Amino acid sequence: MRNFNISPDLTPLYRSAIGFDRLAQLAEHAAANNSNSGYPPYNIELLGENRYRITMAVAGFSMPELDIMSEGEKLLVKGNKTTNSDERKYLHQGIAERGFERSFQLADYVRVVGAELEHGLLNIDLVREIPEAMKPRKIDIVTTKTLS
């Protein structure tokens, strides 16, 4: 069986839309982002028109073992599990105790406003704050008087 690497041709979009070149970059980033495995599992919730929450299942991690970095339009969540000095003998080990690194691409004007760790779930709250200059506004149309 062959694997085909098909990248979308967004040329027609560029003919009639201005400023959507970033869309192509996001699509390429999503297609090439193989580093995000399924661990740890997470949810992304829409809490309101401009409010979001990422909930990650990080059972077994303590606050000092978790790190959240927001830089520009990228959110990076890392978990560095410290090794236990005591040797345990597991009959079954279903709880993953490995480190992880998960990144999220944030849209324009989305910023992290807080994070909390509760019952093994890491909640990261985000909000989109559109600057006043970028919000829709009505443009008045004026008429010009012709000189006779």
Protein backbone atom coordinates (compact mmCIF):
# COMPACT_ATOMS: atom_id res chain seq x y z
CA MET A 1 0.00 0.00 0.00
CA ARG A 2 1.32 3.45 -0.86
CA ASN A 3 1.22 6.49 1.35
CA PHE A 4 0.44 9.66 -0.54
CA ASN A 5 1.46 13.01 0.87
CA ILE A 6 -1.28 15.28 -0.38
CA SER A 7 -0.99 18.94 0.46
CA PRO A 8 -4.00 21.12 -0.31
CA ASP A 9 -3.70 23.63 -3.12
CA LEU A 10 -4.92 26.90 -1.65
CA THR A 11 -4.16 28.99 -4.74
CA PRO A 12 -7.84 29.79 -5.46
CA LEU A 13 -8.18 31.14 -1.93
CA TYR A 14 -5.31 33.57 -2.49
CA ARG A 15 -7.07 35.06 -5.53
CA SER A 16 -10.03 36.41 -3.56
CA ALA A 17 -8.89 36.54 0.07
CA ILE A 18 -6.28 38.77 1.59
CA GLY A 19 -4.25 37.80 4.63
CA PHE A 20 -5.15 34.12 4.68
CA ASP A 21 -1.63 32.95 3.88
CA ARG A 22 -1.35 32.06 7.57
CA LEU A 23 -4.09 29.46 7.02
CA ALA A 24 -1.74 27.51 4.75
CA GLN A 25 0.98 27.64 7.40
CA LEU A 26 -1.43 26.29 10.02
CA ALA A 27 -2.53 23.47 7.72
CA GLU A 28 1.07 22.50 7.02
CA HIS A 29 1.91 22.66 10.72
CA ALA A 30 -1.05 20.44 11.62
CA ALA A 31 -0.17 17.90 8.93
CA ALA A 32 3.49 17.75 9.95
CA ASN A 33 2.90 17.74 13.71
CA ASN A 34 3.54 14.08 14.48
CA SER A 35 5.16 14.82 17.85
CA ASN A 36 1.78 15.08 19.57
CA SER A 37 0.91 11.48 20.32
CA GLY A 38 -2.25 10.67 22.25
CA TYR A 39 -0.56 11.24 25.60
CA PRO A 40 -1.73 12.85 27.73
CA PRO A 41 -5.38 12.92 26.69
CA TYR A 42 -7.03 16.34 26.63
CA ASN A 43 -10.26 18.20 25.92
CA ILE A 44 -10.77 21.65 24.44
CA GLU A 45 -13.98 23.33 25.60
CA LEU A 46 -15.77 26.43 24.40
CA LEU A 47 -16.98 28.14 27.59
CA GLY A 48 -18.35 31.30 25.98
CA GLU A 49 -18.06 33.35 22.83
CA ASN A 50 -14.42 34.22 23.53
CA ARG A 51 -13.48 31.85 26.38
CA TYR A 52 -11.86 28.43 26.11
CA ARG A 53 -10.50 25.75 28.43
CA ILE A 54 -7.98 23.02 27.76
CA THR A 55 -8.28 20.13 30.23
CA MET A 56 -5.43 17.62 30.30
CA ALA A 57 -5.40 14.34 32.23
CA VAL A 58 -2.09 14.46 34.12
CA ALA A 59 -2.69 11.90 36.86
CA GLY A 60 0.42 11.32 38.96
CA PHE A 61 2.02 14.69 38.18
CA SER A 62 2.48 17.31 40.87
CA MET A 63 2.57 21.07 40.28
CA PRO A 64 6.39 21.32 40.33
CA GLU A 65 6.55 18.64 37.61
CA LEU A 66 4.34 20.64 35.19
CA ASP A 67 5.37 23.66 33.15
CA ILE A 68 3.19 25.88 30.96
CA MET A 69 4.77 28.37 28.54
CA SER A 70 2.92 30.80 26.31
CA GLU A 71 5.03 32.48 23.66
CA GLY A 72 3.40 34.41 20.87
CA GLU A 73 0.81 32.18 19.25
CA LYS A 74 2.12 28.95 20.74
CA LEU A 75 1.17 27.28 24.03
CA LEU A 76 3.53 24.59 25.31
CA VAL A 77 2.67 22.25 28.18
CA LYS A 78 5.44 20.02 29.56
CA GLY A 79 5.42 17.36 32.20
CA ASN A 80 8.73 16.16 33.63
CA LYS A 81 8.16 13.17 35.88
CA THR A 82 10.78 12.87 38.57
CA THR A 83 12.06 9.35 39.07
CA ASN A 84 11.19 7.64 42.30
CA SER A 85 14.14 6.42 44.30
CA ASP A 86 12.15 3.53 45.76
CA GLU A 87 11.91 0.45 43.60
CA ARG A 88 8.36 -0.71 43.09
CA LYS A 89 7.29 -4.05 41.69
CA TYR A 90 4.23 -3.64 39.56
CA LEU A 91 1.94 -6.49 38.63
CA HIS A 92 0.32 -4.13 36.14
CA GLN A 93 1.33 -0.54 35.39
CA GLY A 94 -1.46 1.19 33.49
CA ILE A 95 -0.72 4.72 34.69
CA ALA A 96 1.88 6.25 32.44
CA GLU A 97 4.62 7.95 34.39
CA ARG A 98 6.54 9.37 31.50
CA GLY A 99 7.25 12.94 30.62
CA PHE A 100 5.37 14.68 27.86
CA GLU A 101 5.41 17.79 25.74
CA ARG A 102 2.27 19.01 24.02
CA SER A 103 1.95 22.18 21.98
CA PHE A 104 -1.12 24.10 20.89
CA GLN A 105 -1.31 26.75 18.18
CA LEU A 106 -3.28 29.73 19.44
CA ALA A 107 -5.32 32.03 17.22
CA ASP A 108 -4.69 35.75 17.06
CA TYR A 109 -5.46 37.61 20.30
CA VAL A 110 -5.90 34.42 22.36
CA ARG A 111 -4.00 34.46 25.63
CA VAL A 112 -3.73 32.23 28.69
CA VAL A 113 -5.46 33.75 31.72
CA GLY A 114 -4.91 30.99 34.28
CA ALA A 115 -4.25 27.36 35.07
CA GLU A 116 -5.17 25.04 37.92
CA LEU A 117 -4.43 21.44 38.86
CA GLU A 118 -7.32 19.62 40.51
CA HIS A 119 -7.99 15.88 40.90
CA GLY A 120 -5.35 14.94 38.32
CA LEU A 121 -6.74 17.34 35.71
CA LEU A 122 -4.82 20.38 34.51
CA ASN A 123 -7.22 23.14 33.44
CA ILE A 124 -5.80 25.95 31.30
CA ASP A 125 -8.15 28.87 30.72
CA LEU A 126 -7.82 31.02 27.62
CA VAL A 127 -9.60 34.12 26.40
CA ARG A 128 -9.70 35.90 23.06
CA GLU A 129 -9.42 39.65 23.53
CA ILE A 130 -9.87 41.48 20.27
CA PRO A 131 -8.41 45.00 20.35
CA GLU A 132 -10.89 47.82 19.96
CA ALA A 133 -9.28 48.85 16.66
CA MET A 134 -9.94 45.36 15.24
CA LYS A 135 -13.64 45.15 16.22
CA PRO A 136 -16.28 45.84 13.57
CA ARG A 137 -17.29 49.46 13.31
CA LYS A 138 -19.74 51.36 11.16
CA ILE A 139 -18.27 53.64 8.52
CA ASP A 140 -20.31 56.74 7.79
CA ILE A 141 -20.87 57.60 4.16
CA VAL A 142 -20.87 61.28 3.33
CA THR A 143 -22.02 63.00 0.17
CA THR A 144 -20.02 65.66 -1.59
CA LYS A 145 -21.66 68.76 -2.91
CA THR A 146 -20.87 69.69 -6.47
CA LEU A 147 -19.91 73.25 -7.22
CA SER A 148 -22.11 75.03 -9.77
